[in-house]
Amino acid sequence: MSARVWLFGDNIDTDVLAPGRYMSGSIEELASHCLEAADPDFASSVKSGDVLIAGRNFGVGSSREQAAECLKILGIAAVVAPSFAGIFYRNAINLGLPVLVGQAHQYAKDGDPVSIDIESAVLKLPLKTIQCEPIPEFLLDLIAAGGLVPHLENRFSGSRA
């Protein structure tokens, strides 16, 4: 079974990704409501390895890192958009969720099969292969480790406190 595209528009904000009214529950409960205002079936239908493709300004809004964490918990392999809110981009990388800057929105359809190579920043869609902006090597290292905390734990595991 191949991964599929989940297509969203411009200005998807952190309140849509991690709705405030569910913030007092567990992160799993919060993730079960991820993007429900844009697509009520998203959280219950998304599969591990799927790719979210969006329009401009993805992750705009508050600084809540749970927005990126919900996508990671649901199994999203990467988010591709022409632009991201800076704090969302950094939160995603710090949590080990790949985010690629690229113009894929106009070439994708919701449900399209997709493959992605994070290291080369190449997204393959039925209508077009997209070369996204490469993620810098040091950020790829964070992603490969599972995020900033695991990266630092690995790096300093043998050092004295």
N, C-alpha and C. Protein backbone atom coordinates (compact mmCIF):
# COMPACT_ATOMS: atom_id res chain seq x y z
N MET A 1 0.85 -1.19 0.00
CA MET A 1 0.00 0.00 0.00
C MET A 1 0.89 1.24 0.00
N SER A 2 0.57 2.21 -0.85
CA SER A 2 1.39 3.41 -0.93
C SER A 2 0.83 4.51 -0.04
N ALA A 3 1.69 5.49 0.20
CA ALA A 3 1.28 6.65 0.97
C ALA A 3 0.36 7.51 0.11
N ARG A 4 -0.43 8.31 0.77
CA ARG A 4 -1.35 9.18 0.05
C ARG A 4 -1.12 10.62 0.45
N VAL A 5 -1.62 11.51 -0.38
CA VAL A 5 -1.58 12.95 -0.13
C VAL A 5 -2.82 13.35 0.66
N TRP A 6 -2.60 14.19 1.65
CA TRP A 6 -3.67 14.92 2.33
C TRP A 6 -3.47 16.37 1.94
N LEU A 7 -4.41 16.95 1.22
CA LEU A 7 -4.26 18.28 0.65
C LEU A 7 -5.07 19.30 1.44
N PHE A 8 -4.39 20.36 1.85
CA PHE A 8 -5.04 21.45 2.58
C PHE A 8 -4.63 22.78 1.96
N GLY A 9 -5.38 23.82 2.26
CA GLY A 9 -5.15 25.13 1.66
C GLY A 9 -4.16 26.00 2.42
N ASP A 10 -4.30 27.30 2.21
CA ASP A 10 -3.44 28.29 2.84
C ASP A 10 -3.84 28.54 4.29
N ASN A 11 -2.88 29.03 5.06
CA ASN A 11 -3.12 29.54 6.41
C ASN A 11 -3.74 28.53 7.37
N ILE A 12 -3.33 27.28 7.29
CA ILE A 12 -3.78 26.29 8.28
C ILE A 12 -3.07 26.63 9.58
N ASP A 13 -3.85 27.02 10.58
CA ASP A 13 -3.23 27.51 11.81
C ASP A 13 -3.15 26.44 12.90
N THR A 14 -2.41 26.77 13.94
CA THR A 14 -2.17 25.81 15.01
C THR A 14 -3.44 25.46 15.78
N ASP A 15 -4.44 26.35 15.77
CA ASP A 15 -5.71 26.03 16.42
C ASP A 15 -6.47 24.95 15.66
N VAL A 16 -6.26 24.86 14.36
CA VAL A 16 -6.87 23.80 13.56
C VAL A 16 -6.09 22.49 13.73
N LEU A 17 -4.77 22.61 13.85
CA LEU A 17 -3.93 21.43 14.04
C LEU A 17 -4.06 20.84 15.43
N ALA A 18 -4.16 21.69 16.44
CA ALA A 18 -4.25 21.25 17.84
C ALA A 18 -5.30 22.12 18.53
N PRO A 19 -6.58 21.77 18.39
CA PRO A 19 -7.66 22.62 18.91
C PRO A 19 -7.54 22.86 20.42
N GLY A 20 -7.60 24.13 20.80
CA GLY A 20 -7.42 24.53 22.19
C GLY A 20 -8.35 23.85 23.17
N ARG A 21 -9.57 23.56 22.76
CA ARG A 21 -10.52 22.97 23.71
C ARG A 21 -10.15 21.55 24.13
N TYR A 22 -9.19 20.93 23.44
CA TYR A 22 -8.75 19.58 23.79
C TYR A 22 -7.35 19.57 24.42
N MET A 23 -6.79 20.73 24.69
CA MET A 23 -5.42 20.82 25.19
C MET A 23 -5.26 20.23 26.59
N SER A 24 -6.31 20.14 27.37
CA SER A 24 -6.19 19.62 28.74
C SER A 24 -6.11 18.10 28.78
N GLY A 25 -6.41 17.44 27.68
CA GLY A 25 -6.33 15.98 27.62
C GLY A 25 -4.94 15.51 27.23
N SER A 26 -4.83 14.24 26.96
CA SER A 26 -3.54 13.67 26.53
C SER A 26 -3.23 14.12 25.11
N ILE A 27 -1.97 13.98 24.73
CA ILE A 27 -1.57 14.34 23.37
C ILE A 27 -2.26 13.42 22.35
N GLU A 28 -2.52 12.18 22.71
CA GLU A 28 -3.23 11.27 21.82
C GLU A 28 -4.67 11.73 21.59
N GLU A 29 -5.31 12.21 22.66
CA GLU A 29 -6.67 12.75 22.53
C GLU A 29 -6.66 13.99 21.64
N LEU A 30 -5.69 14.86 21.86
CA LEU A 30 -5.56 16.06 21.04
C LEU A 30 -5.34 15.69 19.57
N ALA A 31 -4.47 14.73 19.32
CA ALA A 31 -4.20 14.29 17.95
C ALA A 31 -5.46 13.75 17.27
N SER A 32 -6.35 13.15 18.03
CA SER A 32 -7.57 12.61 17.44
C SER A 32 -8.50 13.71 16.91
N HIS A 33 -8.19 14.96 17.24
CA HIS A 33 -8.98 16.10 16.75
C HIS A 33 -8.19 16.97 15.78
N CYS A 34 -7.00 16.53 15.42
CA CYS A 34 -6.13 17.29 14.52
C CYS A 34 -6.83 17.53 13.17
N LEU A 35 -6.88 18.78 12.77
CA LEU A 35 -7.43 19.21 11.48
C LEU A 35 -8.92 18.92 11.30
N GLU A 36 -9.64 18.61 12.38
CA GLU A 36 -11.05 18.27 12.22
C GLU A 36 -11.88 19.44 11.70
N ALA A 37 -11.45 20.67 11.95
CA ALA A 37 -12.20 21.82 11.41
C ALA A 37 -12.05 21.93 9.89
N ALA A 38 -10.96 21.40 9.35
CA ALA A 38 -10.73 21.43 7.90
C ALA A 38 -11.18 20.15 7.21
N ASP A 39 -11.03 19.01 7.90
CA ASP A 39 -11.43 17.70 7.37
C ASP A 39 -11.76 16.80 8.55
N PRO A 40 -13.06 16.64 8.85
CA PRO A 40 -13.46 15.87 10.03
C PRO A 40 -12.96 14.42 10.04
N ASP A 41 -12.61 13.87 8.89
CA ASP A 41 -12.16 12.47 8.82
C ASP A 41 -10.64 12.31 8.86
N PHE A 42 -9.91 13.41 8.89
CA PHE A 42 -8.45 13.34 8.78
C PHE A 42 -7.84 12.43 9.85
N ALA A 43 -8.03 12.74 11.11
CA ALA A 43 -7.34 12.01 12.18
C ALA A 43 -7.70 10.53 12.21
N SER A 44 -8.92 10.20 11.87
CA SER A 44 -9.32 8.78 11.91
C SER A 44 -8.93 8.03 10.64
N SER A 45 -8.58 8.75 9.58
CA SER A 45 -8.28 8.10 8.30
C SER A 45 -6.82 8.13 7.89
N VAL A 46 -6.05 9.06 8.42
CA VAL A 46 -4.64 9.19 8.03
C VAL A 46 -3.89 7.92 8.41
N LYS A 47 -2.94 7.55 7.57
CA LYS A 47 -2.12 6.35 7.80
C LYS A 47 -0.66 6.76 7.95
N SER A 48 0.07 5.95 8.68
CA SER A 48 1.49 6.19 8.85
C SER A 48 2.18 6.22 7.49
N GLY A 49 2.97 7.25 7.26
CA GLY A 49 3.66 7.41 5.99
C GLY A 49 2.99 8.36 5.02
N ASP A 50 1.75 8.76 5.31
CA ASP A 50 1.06 9.72 4.45
C ASP A 50 1.77 11.07 4.50
N VAL A 51 1.55 11.88 3.47
CA VAL A 51 2.20 13.18 3.34
C VAL A 51 1.13 14.27 3.30
N LEU A 52 1.32 15.30 4.10
CA LEU A 52 0.42 16.44 4.11
C LEU A 52 1.01 17.52 3.21
N ILE A 53 0.23 17.94 2.22
CA ILE A 53 0.63 19.02 1.33
C ILE A 53 -0.34 20.17 1.55
N ALA A 54 0.22 21.35 1.76
CA ALA A 54 -0.62 22.51 2.07
C ALA A 54 -0.19 23.72 1.27
N GLY A 55 -1.00 24.76 1.39
CA GLY A 55 -0.69 26.04 0.77
C GLY A 55 0.23 26.87 1.66
N ARG A 56 0.21 28.17 1.42
CA ARG A 56 1.10 29.10 2.13
C ARG A 56 0.80 29.17 3.63
N ASN A 57 1.82 29.57 4.37
CA ASN A 57 1.72 29.90 5.80
C ASN A 57 1.23 28.75 6.67
N PHE A 58 1.68 27.56 6.40
CA PHE A 58 1.25 26.42 7.20
C PHE A 58 1.77 26.57 8.63
N GLY A 59 0.90 26.34 9.61
CA GLY A 59 1.29 26.39 11.01
C GLY A 59 1.30 27.77 11.62
N VAL A 60 0.66 28.72 10.96
CA VAL A 60 0.57 30.08 11.48
C VAL A 60 -0.25 30.06 12.77
N GLY A 61 -0.05 31.02 13.63
CA GLY A 61 -0.83 31.11 14.87
C GLY A 61 0.05 31.04 16.09
N SER A 62 -0.43 30.34 17.09
CA SER A 62 0.29 30.28 18.36
C SER A 62 1.53 29.40 18.26
N SER A 63 2.32 29.42 19.31
CA SER A 63 3.59 28.68 19.32
C SER A 63 3.45 27.25 19.83
N ARG A 64 2.24 26.78 20.03
CA ARG A 64 2.07 25.44 20.63
C ARG A 64 2.73 24.35 19.80
N GLU A 65 3.68 23.68 20.42
CA GLU A 65 4.39 22.61 19.71
C GLU A 65 3.52 21.38 19.50
N GLN A 66 2.41 21.30 20.21
CA GLN A 66 1.49 20.18 20.04
C GLN A 66 0.94 20.11 18.62
N ALA A 67 0.93 21.23 17.90
CA ALA A 67 0.43 21.22 16.52
C ALA A 67 1.27 20.28 15.66
N ALA A 68 2.58 20.40 15.77
CA ALA A 68 3.47 19.50 15.02
C ALA A 68 3.46 18.10 15.63
N GLU A 69 3.37 18.02 16.94
CA GLU A 69 3.38 16.72 17.61
C GLU A 69 2.17 15.88 17.21
N CYS A 70 1.02 16.50 17.04
CA CYS A 70 -0.18 15.76 16.61
C CYS A 70 0.05 15.11 15.25
N LEU A 71 0.64 15.85 14.32
CA LEU A 71 0.91 15.28 12.99
C LEU A 71 1.87 14.11 13.08
N LYS A 72 2.88 14.25 13.92
CA LYS A 72 3.85 13.17 14.08
C LYS A 72 3.19 11.94 14.70
N ILE A 73 2.39 12.13 15.71
CA ILE A 73 1.70 11.01 16.37
C ILE A 73 0.79 10.28 15.38
N LEU A 74 0.15 11.03 14.49
CA LEU A 74 -0.75 10.43 13.51
C LEU A 74 -0.01 9.72 12.38
N GLY A 75 1.31 9.88 12.32
CA GLY A 75 2.10 9.15 11.34
C GLY A 75 2.45 9.90 10.07
N ILE A 76 2.16 11.20 10.02
CA ILE A 76 2.51 11.98 8.84
C ILE A 76 4.02 11.89 8.61
N ALA A 77 4.42 11.50 7.40
CA ALA A 77 5.84 11.34 7.06
C ALA A 77 6.52 12.68 6.83
N ALA A 78 5.77 13.65 6.32
CA ALA A 78 6.32 14.98 6.06
C ALA A 78 5.19 15.94 5.75
N VAL A 79 5.47 17.22 5.96
CA VAL A 79 4.57 18.29 5.55
C VAL A 79 5.31 19.08 4.47
N VAL A 80 4.62 19.34 3.36
CA VAL A 80 5.19 20.10 2.25
C VAL A 80 4.30 21.32 2.02
N ALA A 81 4.91 22.49 2.00
CA ALA A 81 4.18 23.73 1.76
C ALA A 81 5.14 24.78 1.20
N PRO A 82 4.61 25.79 0.50
CA PRO A 82 5.49 26.83 -0.02
C PRO A 82 6.08 27.72 1.07
N SER A 83 5.40 27.79 2.23
CA SER A 83 5.93 28.56 3.35
C SER A 83 5.31 28.06 4.65
N PHE A 84 6.07 28.24 5.71
CA PHE A 84 5.65 27.81 7.05
C PHE A 84 5.80 28.97 8.02
N ALA A 85 4.97 28.98 9.05
CA ALA A 85 5.24 29.88 10.18
C ALA A 85 6.55 29.42 10.80
N GLY A 86 7.42 30.35 11.11
CA GLY A 86 8.75 30.01 11.62
C GLY A 86 8.75 29.13 12.84
N ILE A 87 7.88 29.44 13.80
CA ILE A 87 7.86 28.65 15.04
C ILE A 87 7.34 27.24 14.78
N PHE A 88 6.37 27.08 13.88
CA PHE A 88 5.90 25.74 13.54
C PHE A 88 7.02 24.95 12.89
N TYR A 89 7.73 25.56 11.95
CA TYR A 89 8.83 24.88 11.26
C TYR A 89 9.84 24.37 12.27
N ARG A 90 10.24 25.23 13.19
CA ARG A 90 11.26 24.82 14.17
C ARG A 90 10.71 23.77 15.13
N ASN A 91 9.48 23.93 15.58
CA ASN A 91 8.87 22.91 16.45
C ASN A 91 8.83 21.56 15.75
N ALA A 92 8.45 21.53 14.48
CA ALA A 92 8.38 20.28 13.73
C ALA A 92 9.75 19.61 13.67
N ILE A 93 10.76 20.36 13.28
CA ILE A 93 12.12 19.81 13.21
C ILE A 93 12.56 19.31 14.58
N ASN A 94 12.31 20.11 15.62
CA ASN A 94 12.71 19.71 16.98
C ASN A 94 12.02 18.43 17.44
N LEU A 95 10.86 18.14 16.86
CA LEU A 95 10.14 16.91 17.20
C LEU A 95 10.44 15.77 16.22
N GLY A 96 11.26 16.04 15.22
CA GLY A 96 11.62 15.00 14.25
C GLY A 96 10.63 14.84 13.11
N LEU A 97 9.80 15.84 12.88
CA LEU A 97 8.83 15.80 11.78
C LEU A 97 9.39 16.58 10.60
N PRO A 98 9.67 15.93 9.48
CA PRO A 98 10.21 16.64 8.32
C PRO A 98 9.21 17.64 7.74
N VAL A 99 9.71 18.84 7.46
CA VAL A 99 8.92 19.88 6.80
C VAL A 99 9.73 20.37 5.61
N LEU A 100 9.12 20.31 4.45
CA LEU A 100 9.81 20.68 3.21
C LEU A 100 9.13 21.88 2.56
N VAL A 101 9.94 22.85 2.19
CA VAL A 101 9.44 24.02 1.48
C VAL A 101 9.45 23.70 -0.01
N GLY A 102 8.24 23.71 -0.59
CA GLY A 102 8.13 23.38 -2.00
C GLY A 102 6.76 23.73 -2.55
N GLN A 103 6.70 23.90 -3.86
CA GLN A 103 5.47 24.27 -4.55
C GLN A 103 4.78 23.01 -5.08
N ALA A 104 4.13 22.28 -4.21
CA ALA A 104 3.48 21.04 -4.61
C ALA A 104 1.96 21.16 -4.65
N HIS A 105 1.43 22.15 -3.97
CA HIS A 105 -0.02 22.27 -3.79
C HIS A 105 -0.79 22.25 -5.11
N GLN A 106 -0.28 22.96 -6.10
CA GLN A 106 -1.01 23.06 -7.37
C GLN A 106 -0.93 21.80 -8.22
N TYR A 107 -0.04 20.87 -7.87
CA TYR A 107 0.13 19.64 -8.65
C TYR A 107 -0.49 18.41 -7.99
N ALA A 108 -0.95 18.57 -6.76
CA ALA A 108 -1.46 17.43 -6.00
C ALA A 108 -2.98 17.46 -5.92
N LYS A 109 -3.53 16.27 -5.78
CA LYS A 109 -4.95 16.12 -5.49
C LYS A 109 -5.06 15.32 -4.20
N ASP A 110 -6.07 15.64 -3.42
CA ASP A 110 -6.29 14.89 -2.18
C ASP A 110 -6.47 13.42 -2.53
N GLY A 111 -5.71 12.57 -1.85
CA GLY A 111 -5.80 11.13 -2.08
C GLY A 111 -4.80 10.60 -3.09
N ASP A 112 -4.09 11.48 -3.79
CA ASP A 112 -3.08 11.01 -4.75
C ASP A 112 -2.05 10.11 -4.07
N PRO A 113 -1.54 9.11 -4.79
CA PRO A 113 -0.39 8.37 -4.26
C PRO A 113 0.83 9.29 -4.28
N VAL A 114 1.73 9.10 -3.34
CA VAL A 114 2.89 9.97 -3.22
C VAL A 114 4.06 9.20 -2.65
N SER A 115 5.25 9.58 -3.08
CA SER A 115 6.46 9.09 -2.42
C SER A 115 7.35 10.30 -2.18
N ILE A 116 8.14 10.21 -1.13
CA ILE A 116 8.97 11.34 -0.74
C ILE A 116 10.32 10.83 -0.26
N ASP A 117 11.36 11.54 -0.67
CA ASP A 117 12.71 11.27 -0.18
C ASP A 117 13.14 12.52 0.57
N ILE A 118 13.19 12.41 1.88
CA ILE A 118 13.48 13.57 2.73
C ILE A 118 14.89 14.09 2.47
N GLU A 119 15.86 13.21 2.40
CA GLU A 119 17.25 13.65 2.24
C GLU A 119 17.50 14.40 0.94
N SER A 120 16.90 13.95 -0.14
CA SER A 120 17.08 14.65 -1.41
C SER A 120 16.00 15.71 -1.64
N ALA A 121 14.99 15.75 -0.76
CA ALA A 121 13.89 16.72 -0.83
C ALA A 121 13.09 16.58 -2.13
N VAL A 122 12.87 15.34 -2.55
CA VAL A 122 12.12 15.07 -3.79
C VAL A 122 10.78 14.44 -3.44
N LEU A 123 9.73 15.02 -4.00
CA LEU A 123 8.36 14.56 -3.81
C LEU A 123 7.85 14.09 -5.17
N LYS A 124 7.39 12.84 -5.23
CA LYS A 124 6.88 12.30 -6.50
C LYS A 124 5.37 12.18 -6.42
N LEU A 125 4.70 12.91 -7.30
CA LEU A 125 3.25 12.90 -7.44
C LEU A 125 2.90 12.33 -8.81
N PRO A 126 1.65 11.94 -9.03
CA PRO A 126 1.28 11.41 -10.34
C PRO A 126 1.54 12.38 -11.50
N LEU A 127 1.31 13.68 -11.28
CA LEU A 127 1.45 14.65 -12.36
C LEU A 127 2.82 15.28 -12.46
N LYS A 128 3.62 15.20 -11.39
CA LYS A 128 4.89 15.93 -11.41
C LYS A 128 5.79 15.45 -10.28
N THR A 129 7.09 15.51 -10.53
CA THR A 129 8.08 15.31 -9.48
C THR A 129 8.55 16.69 -9.06
N ILE A 130 8.49 16.95 -7.77
CA ILE A 130 8.80 18.27 -7.22
C ILE A 130 10.14 18.22 -6.50
N GLN A 131 11.02 19.13 -6.84
CA GLN A 131 12.26 19.31 -6.08
C GLN A 131 12.01 20.41 -5.06
N CYS A 132 11.92 20.04 -3.80
CA CYS A 132 11.73 21.01 -2.73
C CYS A 132 13.08 21.58 -2.32
N GLU A 133 13.05 22.60 -1.48
CA GLU A 133 14.29 23.14 -0.93
C GLU A 133 14.91 22.09 -0.02
N PRO A 134 16.18 21.78 -0.20
CA PRO A 134 16.82 20.78 0.66
C PRO A 134 16.84 21.23 2.13
N ILE A 135 16.65 20.27 3.00
CA ILE A 135 16.78 20.54 4.44
C ILE A 135 18.27 20.50 4.76
N PRO A 136 18.77 21.52 5.47
CA PRO A 136 20.20 21.51 5.82
C PRO A 136 20.60 20.24 6.57
N GLU A 137 21.84 19.82 6.35
CA GLU A 137 22.35 18.56 6.92
C GLU A 137 22.17 18.47 8.44
N PHE A 138 22.46 19.56 9.15
CA PHE A 138 22.35 19.50 10.61
C PHE A 138 20.91 19.31 11.06
N LEU A 139 19.94 19.80 10.27
CA LEU A 139 18.54 19.57 10.61
C LEU A 139 18.12 18.15 10.22
N LEU A 140 18.68 17.63 9.13
CA LEU A 140 18.43 16.22 8.78
C LEU A 140 18.91 15.30 9.90
N ASP A 141 20.03 15.66 10.53
CA ASP A 141 20.53 14.87 11.66
C ASP A 141 19.54 14.86 12.81
N LEU A 142 18.92 16.02 13.10
CA LEU A 142 17.91 16.09 14.16
C LEU A 142 16.71 15.21 13.82
N ILE A 143 16.26 15.30 12.58
CA ILE A 143 15.11 14.50 12.14
C ILE A 143 15.42 13.01 12.24
N ALA A 144 16.59 12.62 11.75
CA ALA A 144 16.98 11.20 11.78
C ALA A 144 17.05 10.65 13.20
N ALA A 145 17.42 11.50 14.15
CA ALA A 145 17.51 11.07 15.55
C ALA A 145 16.14 11.01 16.22
N GLY A 146 15.12 11.55 15.57
CA GLY A 146 13.79 11.59 16.17
C GLY A 146 13.46 12.92 16.81
N GLY A 147 14.33 13.90 16.63
CA GLY A 147 14.09 15.23 17.18
C GLY A 147 15.29 15.73 17.97
N LEU A 148 15.15 16.95 18.49
CA LEU A 148 16.25 17.59 19.20
C LEU A 148 16.65 16.85 20.47
N VAL A 149 15.68 16.49 21.30
CA VAL A 149 16.01 15.83 22.57
C VAL A 149 16.71 14.49 22.34
N PRO A 150 16.18 13.60 21.50
CA PRO A 150 16.91 12.35 21.25
C PRO A 150 18.30 12.60 20.64
N HIS A 151 18.41 13.61 19.77
CA HIS A 151 19.70 13.95 19.17
C HIS A 151 20.71 14.34 20.26
N LEU A 152 20.29 15.18 21.19
CA LEU A 152 21.19 15.60 22.27
C LEU A 152 21.49 14.45 23.22
N GLU A 153 20.50 13.62 23.49
CA GLU A 153 20.74 12.45 24.35
C GLU A 153 21.78 11.54 23.71
N ASN A 154 21.67 11.30 22.41
CA ASN A 154 22.65 10.47 21.71
C ASN A 154 24.03 11.11 21.72
N ARG A 155 24.06 12.39 21.50
CA ARG A 155 25.34 13.10 21.41
C ARG A 155 26.09 13.13 22.74
N PHE A 156 25.35 13.28 23.83
CA PHE A 156 25.99 13.44 25.13
C PHE A 156 25.83 12.23 26.04
N SER A 157 25.44 11.10 25.49
CA SER A 157 25.18 9.91 26.33
C SER A 157 26.40 9.43 27.08
N GLY A 158 27.59 9.67 26.58
CA GLY A 158 28.80 9.21 27.26
C GLY A 158 29.48 10.28 28.09
N SER A 159 28.96 11.50 28.08
CA SER A 159 29.63 12.58 28.81
C SER A 159 29.18 12.64 30.26
N ARG A 160 30.00 13.26 31.08
CA ARG A 160 29.68 13.42 32.51
C ARG A 160 28.84 14.67 32.71
N ALA A 161 27.99 14.59 33.71
CA ALA A 161 27.14 15.75 34.03
C ALA A 161 27.88 16.76 34.84
